[in-house]
Each structure stands twice: as C-alpha cells, then as structure tokens.
PDB file of all heavy atoms in Angstrom:
ATOM      1  N   ALA A   1      78.314  91.874  79.227  1.00  0.00           N
ATOM      2  CA  ALA A   1      77.011  92.493  79.454  1.00  0.00           C
ATOM      3  C   ALA A   1      76.591  92.340  80.911  1.00  0.00           C
ATOM      4  O   ALA A   1      76.743  91.275  81.498  1.00  0.00           O
ATOM      5  CB  ALA A   1      75.965  91.871  78.536  1.00  0.00           C
ATOM      6  N   GLY A   2      76.083  93.414  81.471  1.00  0.00           N
ATOM      7  CA  GLY A   2      75.626  93.416  82.858  1.00  0.00           C
ATOM      8  C   GLY A   2      76.671  93.863  83.861  1.00  0.00           C
ATOM      9  O   GLY A   2      76.365  94.039  85.035  1.00  0.00           O
ATOM     10  N   ASP A   3      77.907  94.064  83.402  1.00  0.00           N
ATOM     11  CA  ASP A   3      78.976  94.469  84.323  1.00  0.00           C
ATOM     12  C   ASP A   3      78.877  95.942  84.683  1.00  0.00           C
ATOM     13  O   ASP A   3      78.532  96.778  83.851  1.00  0.00           O
ATOM     14  CB  ASP A   3      80.358  94.220  83.706  1.00  0.00           C
ATOM     15  CG  ASP A   3      80.802  92.775  83.820  1.00  0.00           C
ATOM     16  OD1 ASP A   3      80.220  92.029  84.642  1.00  0.00           O
ATOM     17  OD2 ASP A   3      81.727  92.393  83.086  1.00  0.00           O
ATOM     18  N   VAL A   4      79.234  96.227  85.917  1.00  0.00           N
ATOM     19  CA  VAL A   4      79.382  97.600  86.397  1.00  0.00           C
ATOM     20  C   VAL A   4      80.788  97.716  86.958  1.00  0.00           C
ATOM     21  O   VAL A   4      81.222  96.872  87.755  1.00  0.00           O
ATOM     22  CB  VAL A   4      78.336  97.948  87.476  1.00  0.00           C
ATOM     23  CG1 VAL A   4      78.590  99.330  88.052  1.00  0.00           C
ATOM     24  CG2 VAL A   4      76.929  97.864  86.902  1.00  0.00           C
ATOM     25  N   ILE A   5      81.493  98.752  86.526  1.00  0.00           N
ATOM     26  CA  ILE A   5      82.853  99.010  87.002  1.00  0.00           C
ATOM     27  C   ILE A   5      82.826 100.331  87.750  1.00  0.00           C
ATOM     28  O   ILE A   5      82.488 101.374  87.183  1.00  0.00           O
ATOM     29  CB  ILE A   5      83.858  99.047  85.827  1.00  0.00           C
ATOM     30  CG1 ILE A   5      83.820  97.709  85.089  1.00  0.00           C
ATOM     31  CG2 ILE A   5      85.257  99.366  86.339  1.00  0.00           C
ATOM     32  CD1 ILE A   5      84.591  97.693  83.783  1.00  0.00           C
ATOM     33  N   LEU A   6      83.136 100.277  89.030  1.00  0.00           N
ATOM     34  CA  LEU A   6      83.096 101.436  89.910  1.00  0.00           C
ATOM     35  C   LEU A   6      84.483 102.054  89.976  1.00  0.00           C
ATOM     36  O   LEU A   6      85.424 101.416  90.448  1.00  0.00           O
ATOM     37  CB  LEU A   6      82.647 101.004  91.313  1.00  0.00           C
ATOM     38  CG  LEU A   6      81.360 100.176  91.373  1.00  0.00           C
ATOM     39  CD1 LEU A   6      81.132  99.659  92.787  1.00  0.00           C
ATOM     40  CD2 LEU A   6      80.184 100.992  90.875  1.00  0.00           C
ATOM     41  N   LEU A   7      84.617 103.279  89.486  1.00  0.00           N
ATOM     42  CA  LEU A   7      85.914 103.955  89.430  1.00  0.00           C
ATOM     43  C   LEU A   7      85.992 104.967  90.565  1.00  0.00           C
ATOM     44  O   LEU A   7      85.424 106.050  90.487  1.00  0.00           O
ATOM     45  CB  LEU A   7      86.079 104.638  88.067  1.00  0.00           C
ATOM     46  CG  LEU A   7      85.994 103.704  86.859  1.00  0.00           C
ATOM     47  CD1 LEU A   7      85.975 104.495  85.562  1.00  0.00           C
ATOM     48  CD2 LEU A   7      87.137 102.707  86.877  1.00  0.00           C
ATOM     49  N   GLY A   8      86.692 104.602  91.624  1.00  0.00           N
ATOM     50  CA  GLY A   8      86.806 105.456  92.797  1.00  0.00           C
ATOM     51  C   GLY A   8      88.171 106.099  92.906  1.00  0.00           C
ATOM     52  O   GLY A   8      89.132 105.684  92.264  1.00  0.00           O
ATOM     53  N   GLY A   9      88.228 107.119  93.727  1.00  0.00           N
ATOM     54  CA  GLY A   9      89.476 107.834  93.972  1.00  0.00           C
ATOM     55  C   GLY A   9      89.223 109.320  93.968  1.00  0.00           C
ATOM     56  O   GLY A   9      88.172 109.782  93.516  1.00  0.00           O
ATOM     57  N   PRO A  10      90.186 110.084  94.453  1.00  0.00           N
ATOM     58  CA  PRO A  10      90.005 111.533  94.527  1.00  0.00           C
ATOM     59  C   PRO A  10      90.052 112.191  93.150  1.00  0.00           C
ATOM     60  O   PRO A  10      90.429 111.559  92.149  1.00  0.00           O
ATOM     61  CB  PRO A  10      91.184 111.991  95.386  1.00  0.00           C
ATOM     62  CG  PRO A  10      92.234 110.954  95.174  1.00  0.00           C
ATOM     63  CD  PRO A  10      91.492 109.664  94.978  1.00  0.00           C
ATOM     64  N   TYR A  11      89.687 113.444  93.114  1.00  0.00           N
ATOM     65  CA  TYR A  11      89.769 114.235  91.891  1.00  0.00           C
ATOM     66  C   TYR A  11      91.195 114.170  91.354  1.00  0.00           C
ATOM     67  O   TYR A  11      92.163 114.310  92.106  1.00  0.00           O
ATOM     68  CB  TYR A  11      89.372 115.685  92.190  1.00  0.00           C
ATOM     69  CG  TYR A  11      89.419 116.572  90.981  1.00  0.00           C
ATOM     70  CD1 TYR A  11      88.393 116.545  90.050  1.00  0.00           C
ATOM     71  CD2 TYR A  11      90.500 117.405  90.752  1.00  0.00           C
ATOM     72  CE1 TYR A  11      88.438 117.341  88.926  1.00  0.00           C
ATOM     73  CE2 TYR A  11      90.554 118.211  89.626  1.00  0.00           C
ATOM     74  CZ  TYR A  11      89.519 118.172  88.720  1.00  0.00           C
ATOM     75  OH  TYR A  11      89.575 118.958  87.598  1.00  0.00           O
ATOM     76  N   GLY A  12      91.349 113.911  90.069  1.00  0.00           N
ATOM     77  CA  GLY A  12      92.670 113.860  89.451  1.00  0.00           C
ATOM     78  C   GLY A  12      93.396 112.531  89.605  1.00  0.00           C
ATOM     79  O   GLY A  12      94.566 112.421  89.235  1.00  0.00           O
ATOM     80  N   ALA A  13      92.724 111.511  90.105  1.00  0.00           N
ATOM     81  CA  ALA A  13      93.384 110.224  90.339  1.00  0.00           C
ATOM     82  C   ALA A  13      93.563 109.403  89.068  1.00  0.00           C
ATOM     83  O   ALA A  13      94.342 108.463  89.050  1.00  0.00           O
ATOM     84  CB  ALA A  13      92.594 109.406  91.359  1.00  0.00           C
ATOM     85  N   GLY A  14      92.834 109.746  87.995  1.00  0.00           N
ATOM     86  CA  GLY A  14      92.961 109.007  86.752  1.00  0.00           C
ATOM     87  C   GLY A  14      91.731 108.194  86.381  1.00  0.00           C
ATOM     88  O   GLY A  14      91.802 107.329  85.508  1.00  0.00           O
ATOM     89  N   LYS A  15      90.601 108.479  87.016  1.00  0.00           N
ATOM     90  CA  LYS A  15      89.371 107.733  86.724  1.00  0.00           C
ATOM     91  C   LYS A  15      88.946 107.888  85.264  1.00  0.00           C
ATOM     92  O   LYS A  15      88.645 106.896  84.592  1.00  0.00           O
ATOM     93  CB  LYS A  15      88.240 108.196  87.659  1.00  0.00           C
ATOM     94  CG  LYS A  15      88.508 107.936  89.137  1.00  0.00           C
ATOM     95  CD  LYS A  15      87.380 108.427  90.021  1.00  0.00           C
ATOM     96  CE  LYS A  15      87.181 109.917  90.034  1.00  0.00           C
ATOM     97  NZ  LYS A  15      88.264 110.680  90.663  1.00  0.00           N
ATOM     98  N   THR A  16      88.931 109.123  84.778  1.00  0.00           N
ATOM     99  CA  THR A  16      88.513 109.350  83.392  1.00  0.00           C
ATOM    100  C   THR A  16      89.535 108.778  82.416  1.00  0.00           C
ATOM    101  O   THR A  16      89.168 108.218  81.385  1.00  0.00           O
ATOM    102  CB  THR A  16      88.280 110.852  83.133  1.00  0.00           C
ATOM    103  OG1 THR A  16      87.267 111.316  84.034  1.00  0.00           O
ATOM    104  CG2 THR A  16      87.836 111.115  81.708  1.00  0.00           C
ATOM    105  N   ALA A  17      90.813 108.864  82.725  1.00  0.00           N
ATOM    106  CA  ALA A  17      91.845 108.283  81.858  1.00  0.00           C
ATOM    107  C   ALA A  17      91.665 106.770  81.750  1.00  0.00           C
ATOM    108  O   ALA A  17      91.792 106.199  80.655  1.00  0.00           O
ATOM    109  CB  ALA A  17      93.241 108.621  82.375  1.00  0.00           C
ATOM    110  N   LEU A  18      91.345 106.125  82.856  1.00  0.00           N
ATOM    111  CA  LEU A  18      91.120 104.680  82.834  1.00  0.00           C
ATOM    112  C   LEU A  18      89.859 104.359  82.030  1.00  0.00           C
ATOM    113  O   LEU A  18      89.856 103.442  81.198  1.00  0.00           O
ATOM    114  CB  LEU A  18      91.016 104.129  84.250  1.00  0.00           C
ATOM    115  CG  LEU A  18      90.840 102.621  84.354  1.00  0.00           C
ATOM    116  CD1 LEU A  18      92.037 101.890  83.773  1.00  0.00           C
ATOM    117  CD2 LEU A  18      90.635 102.219  85.801  1.00  0.00           C
ATOM    118  N   ALA A  19      88.790 105.116  82.242  1.00  0.00           N
ATOM    119  CA  ALA A  19      87.554 104.912  81.482  1.00  0.00           C
ATOM    120  C   ALA A  19      87.794 105.129  79.988  1.00  0.00           C
ATOM    121  O   ALA A  19      87.303 104.358  79.148  1.00  0.00           O
ATOM    122  CB  ALA A  19      86.458 105.846  81.987  1.00  0.00           C
ATOM    123  N   ARG A  20      88.543 106.157  79.638  1.00  0.00           N
ATOM    124  CA  ARG A  20      88.846 106.451  78.228  1.00  0.00           C
ATOM    125  C   ARG A  20      89.582 105.266  77.593  1.00  0.00           C
ATOM    126  O   ARG A  20      89.241 104.831  76.481  1.00  0.00           O
ATOM    127  CB  ARG A  20      89.690 107.722  78.149  1.00  0.00           C
ATOM    128  CG  ARG A  20      89.981 108.205  76.754  1.00  0.00           C
ATOM    129  CD  ARG A  20      90.679 109.564  76.772  1.00  0.00           C
ATOM    130  NE  ARG A  20      89.764 110.581  77.281  1.00  0.00           N
ATOM    131  CZ  ARG A  20      89.992 111.342  78.363  1.00  0.00           C
ATOM    132  NH1 ARG A  20      91.124 111.232  79.029  1.00  0.00           N
ATOM    133  NH2 ARG A  20      89.103 112.229  78.744  1.00  0.00           N
ATOM    134  N   ALA A  21      90.580 104.732  78.278  1.00  0.00           N
ATOM    135  CA  ALA A  21      91.328 103.584  77.751  1.00  0.00           C
ATOM    136  C   ALA A  21      90.429 102.362  77.612  1.00  0.00           C
ATOM    137  O   ALA A  21      90.507 101.627  76.619  1.00  0.00           O
ATOM    138  CB  ALA A  21      92.510 103.279  78.660  1.00  0.00           C
ATOM    139  N   PHE A  22      89.572 102.142  78.594  1.00  0.00           N
ATOM    140  CA  PHE A  22      88.624 101.033  78.544  1.00  0.00           C
ATOM    141  C   PHE A  22      87.738 101.165  77.308  1.00  0.00           C
ATOM    142  O   PHE A  22      87.567 100.219  76.541  1.00  0.00           O
ATOM    143  CB  PHE A  22      87.771 101.027  79.818  1.00  0.00           C
ATOM    144  CG  PHE A  22      86.727  99.948  79.845  1.00  0.00           C
ATOM    145  CD1 PHE A  22      86.945  98.781  80.548  1.00  0.00           C
ATOM    146  CD2 PHE A  22      85.516 100.096  79.169  1.00  0.00           C
ATOM    147  CE1 PHE A  22      85.978  97.771  80.571  1.00  0.00           C
ATOM    148  CE2 PHE A  22      84.550  99.102  79.188  1.00  0.00           C
ATOM    149  CZ  PHE A  22      84.784  97.936  79.888  1.00  0.00           C
ATOM    150  N   LEU A  23      87.155 102.335  77.113  1.00  0.00           N
ATOM    151  CA  LEU A  23      86.215 102.546  76.011  1.00  0.00           C
ATOM    152  C   LEU A  23      86.891 102.463  74.652  1.00  0.00           C
ATOM    153  O   LEU A  23      86.315 101.916  73.701  1.00  0.00           O
ATOM    154  CB  LEU A  23      85.495 103.878  76.192  1.00  0.00           C
ATOM    155  CG  LEU A  23      84.526 103.884  77.383  1.00  0.00           C
ATOM    156  CD1 LEU A  23      84.155 105.301  77.771  1.00  0.00           C
ATOM    157  CD2 LEU A  23      83.304 103.036  77.076  1.00  0.00           C
ATOM    158  N   ARG A  24      88.106 102.965  74.546  1.00  0.00           N
ATOM    159  CA  ARG A  24      88.830 102.854  73.274  1.00  0.00           C
ATOM    160  C   ARG A  24      89.100 101.393  72.943  1.00  0.00           C
ATOM    161  O   ARG A  24      88.950 100.966  71.797  1.00  0.00           O
ATOM    162  CB  ARG A  24      90.116 103.662  73.325  1.00  0.00           C
ATOM    163  CG  ARG A  24      89.861 105.156  73.237  1.00  0.00           C
ATOM    164  CD  ARG A  24      91.108 105.980  73.368  1.00  0.00           C
ATOM    165  NE  ARG A  24      90.791 107.390  73.146  1.00  0.00           N
ATOM    166  CZ  ARG A  24      91.602 108.379  73.489  1.00  0.00           C
ATOM    167  NH1 ARG A  24      92.778 108.131  74.036  1.00  0.00           N
ATOM    168  NH2 ARG A  24      91.220 109.625  73.256  1.00  0.00           N
ATOM    169  N   ALA A  25      89.492 100.619  73.949  1.00  0.00           N
ATOM    170  CA  ALA A  25      89.750  99.194  73.728  1.00  0.00           C
ATOM    171  C   ALA A  25      88.453  98.441  73.437  1.00  0.00           C
ATOM    172  O   ALA A  25      88.396  97.612  72.524  1.00  0.00           O
ATOM    173  CB  ALA A  25      90.458  98.595  74.937  1.00  0.00           C
ATOM    174  N   ALA A  26      87.405  98.743  74.174  1.00  0.00           N
ATOM    175  CA  ALA A  26      86.134  98.031  74.018  1.00  0.00           C
ATOM    176  C   ALA A  26      85.484  98.294  72.664  1.00  0.00           C
ATOM    177  O   ALA A  26      84.853  97.409  72.091  1.00  0.00           O
ATOM    178  CB  ALA A  26      85.176  98.412  75.148  1.00  0.00           C
ATOM    179  N   THR A  27      85.652  99.510  72.144  1.00  0.00           N
ATOM    180  CA  THR A  27      85.071  99.841  70.836  1.00  0.00           C
ATOM    181  C   THR A  27      85.986  99.427  69.688  1.00  0.00           C
ATOM    182  O   THR A  27      85.546  99.378  68.540  1.00  0.00           O
ATOM    183  CB  THR A  27      84.797 101.352  70.700  1.00  0.00           C
ATOM    184  OG1 THR A  27      86.028 102.068  70.822  1.00  0.00           O
ATOM    185  CG2 THR A  27      83.782 101.834  71.727  1.00  0.00           C
ATOM    186  N   GLY A  28      87.250  99.187  69.996  1.00  0.00           N
ATOM    187  CA  GLY A  28      88.221  98.878  68.950  1.00  0.00           C
ATOM    188  C   GLY A  28      88.682 100.111  68.203  1.00  0.00           C
ATOM    189  O   GLY A  28      89.261 100.006  67.133  1.00  0.00           O
ATOM    190  N   ASP A  29      88.452 101.284  68.775  1.00  0.00           N
ATOM    191  CA  ASP A  29      88.814 102.547  68.136  1.00  0.00           C
ATOM    192  C   ASP A  29      89.809 103.305  69.007  1.00  0.00           C
ATOM    193  O   ASP A  29      89.419 104.001  69.937  1.00  0.00           O
ATOM    194  CB  ASP A  29      87.561 103.395  67.911  1.00  0.00           C
ATOM    195  CG  ASP A  29      87.850 104.713  67.199  1.00  0.00           C
ATOM    196  OD1 ASP A  29      89.031 105.038  66.967  1.00  0.00           O
ATOM    197  OD2 ASP A  29      86.875 105.422  66.886  1.00  0.00           O
ATOM    198  N   PRO A  30      91.122 103.181  68.742  1.00  0.00           N
ATOM    199  CA  PRO A  30      92.121 103.831  69.582  1.00  0.00           C
ATOM    200  C   PRO A  30      92.087 105.359  69.536  1.00  0.00           C
ATOM    201  O   PRO A  30      92.680 106.020  70.384  1.00  0.00           O
ATOM    202  CB  PRO A  30      93.453 103.304  69.038  1.00  0.00           C
ATOM    203  CG  PRO A  30      93.156 102.839  67.656  1.00  0.00           C
ATOM    204  CD  PRO A  30      91.713 102.424  67.644  1.00  0.00           C
ATOM    205  N   MET A  31      91.376 105.921  68.560  1.00  0.00           N
ATOM    206  CA  MET A  31      91.273 107.379  68.453  1.00  0.00           C
ATOM    207  C   MET A  31      89.910 107.898  68.917  1.00  0.00           C
ATOM    208  O   MET A  31      89.615 109.081  68.763  1.00  0.00           O
ATOM    209  CB  MET A  31      91.518 107.811  66.999  1.00  0.00           C
ATOM    210  CG  MET A  31      92.884 107.387  66.455  1.00  0.00           C
ATOM    211  SD  MET A  31      94.273 107.882  67.510  1.00  0.00           S
ATOM    212  CE  MET A  31      94.230 109.629  67.291  1.00  0.00           C
ATOM    213  N   LEU A  32      89.095 107.034  69.498  1.00  0.00           N
ATOM    214  CA  LEU A  32      87.770 107.428  69.947  1.00  0.00           C
ATOM    215  C   LEU A  32      87.840 108.636  70.876  1.00  0.00           C
ATOM    216  O   LEU A  32      88.648 108.665  71.807  1.00  0.00           O
ATOM    217  CB  LEU A  32      87.106 106.262  70.684  1.00  0.00           C
ATOM    218  CG  LEU A  32      85.696 106.503  71.220  1.00  0.00           C
ATOM    219  CD1 LEU A  32      84.702 106.588  70.060  1.00  0.00           C
ATOM    220  CD2 LEU A  32      85.306 105.374  72.169  1.00  0.00           C
ATOM    221  N   VAL A  33      87.029 109.628  70.593  1.00  0.00           N
ATOM    222  CA  VAL A  33      86.944 110.805  71.463  1.00  0.00           C
ATOM    223  C   VAL A  33      86.069 110.432  72.649  1.00  0.00           C
ATOM    224  O   VAL A  33      84.902 110.052  72.477  1.00  0.00           O
ATOM    225  CB  VAL A  33      86.358 112.015  70.704  1.00  0.00           C
ATOM    226  CG1 VAL A  33      86.170 113.194  71.641  1.00  0.00           C
ATOM    227  CG2 VAL A  33      87.265 112.385  69.539  1.00  0.00           C
ATOM    228  N   VAL A  34      86.647 110.508  73.846  1.00  0.00           N
ATOM    229  CA  VAL A  34      85.935 110.145  75.070  1.00  0.00           C
ATOM    230  C   VAL A  34      86.027 111.330  76.030  1.00  0.00           C
ATOM    231  O   VAL A  34      86.949 111.421  76.842  1.00  0.00           O
ATOM    232  CB  VAL A  34      86.539 108.877  75.721  1.00  0.00           C
ATOM    233  CG1 VAL A  34      85.762 108.507  76.990  1.00  0.00           C
ATOM    234  CG2 VAL A  34      86.551 107.714  74.745  1.00  0.00           C
ATOM    235  N   PRO A  35      85.065 112.240  75.939  1.00  0.00           N
ATOM    236  CA  PRO A  35      85.089 113.377  76.859  1.00  0.00           C
ATOM    237  C   PRO A  35      84.661 112.946  78.257  1.00  0.00           C
ATOM    238  O   PRO A  35      83.952 111.948  78.420  1.00  0.00           O
ATOM    239  CB  PRO A  35      84.068 114.336  76.250  1.00  0.00           C
ATOM    240  CG  PRO A  35      83.109 113.450  75.544  1.00  0.00           C
ATOM    241  CD  PRO A  35      83.933 112.288  75.027  1.00  0.00           C
ATOM    242  N   SER A  36      85.082 113.701  79.235  1.00  0.00           N
ATOM    243  CA  SER A  36      84.606 113.454  80.591  1.00  0.00           C
ATOM    244  C   SER A  36      83.124 113.782  80.645  1.00  0.00           C
ATOM    245  O   SER A  36      82.699 114.827  80.165  1.00  0.00           O
ATOM    246  CB  SER A  36      85.358 114.334  81.586  1.00  0.00           C
ATOM    247  OG  SER A  36      84.751 114.233  82.863  1.00  0.00           O
ATOM    248  N   PRO A  37      82.314 112.914  81.238  1.00  0.00           N
ATOM    249  CA  PRO A  37      80.886 113.216  81.352  1.00  0.00           C
ATOM    250  C   PRO A  37      80.553 114.077  82.576  1.00  0.00           C
ATOM    251  O   PRO A  37      79.461 114.004  83.111  1.00  0.00           O
ATOM    252  CB  PRO A  37      80.249 111.823  81.442  1.00  0.00           C
ATOM    253  CG  PRO A  37      81.303 110.976  82.055  1.00  0.00           C
ATOM    254  CD  PRO A  37      82.625 111.547  81.599  1.00  0.00           C
ATOM    255  N   SER A  38      81.491 114.916  82.981  1.00  0.00           N
ATOM    256  CA  SER A  38      81.289 115.745  84.174  1.00  0.00           C
ATOM    257  C   SER A  38      80.042 116.611  84.089  1.00  0.00           C
ATOM    258  O   SER A  38      79.355 116.803  85.088  1.00  0.00           O
ATOM    259  CB  SER A  38      82.493 116.655  84.419  1.00  0.00           C
ATOM    260  OG  SER A  38      83.617 115.893  84.733  1.00  0.00           O
ATOM    261  N   PHE A  39      79.755 117.148  82.901  1.00  0.00           N
ATOM    262  CA  PHE A  39      78.609 118.047  82.776  1.00  0.00           C
ATOM    263  C   PHE A  39      77.372 117.346  82.228  1.00  0.00           C
ATOM    264  O   PHE A  39      76.256 117.686  82.583  1.00  0.00           O
ATOM    265  CB  PHE A  39      78.981 119.265  81.930  1.00  0.00           C
ATOM    266  CG  PHE A  39      80.010 120.107  82.627  1.00  0.00           C
ATOM    267  CD1 PHE A  39      81.340 120.048  82.253  1.00  0.00           C
ATOM    268  CD2 PHE A  39      79.661 120.916  83.696  1.00  0.00           C
ATOM    269  CE1 PHE A  39      82.303 120.792  82.916  1.00  0.00           C
ATOM    270  CE2 PHE A  39      80.612 121.659  84.371  1.00  0.00           C
ATOM    271  CZ  PHE A  39      81.935 121.604  83.975  1.00  0.00           C
TER     272      PHE A  39
END
C-alpha cells in the first residue's frame, strides 16, 4: 500500500504488458482482462 510504480519507455516498449502481468499476479487471476487505459 502506498507504492507508485513509474513505467517509462517509448511507445511499444512493453509498459502495458508489464502492468498487465503485475495486475494478474497481484489479483491472483492469471486470466484477468487488463485493457490498456489509453482512452
């Protein structure tokens, strides 16, 4: 709790893929749908 993880890098570097893996692991749901929050 209280952590902030800053995901930097150019477009297509894998920021969303890393966030998706983090969230699936953190929720304990390997099939969790994690869309990009671009919009």
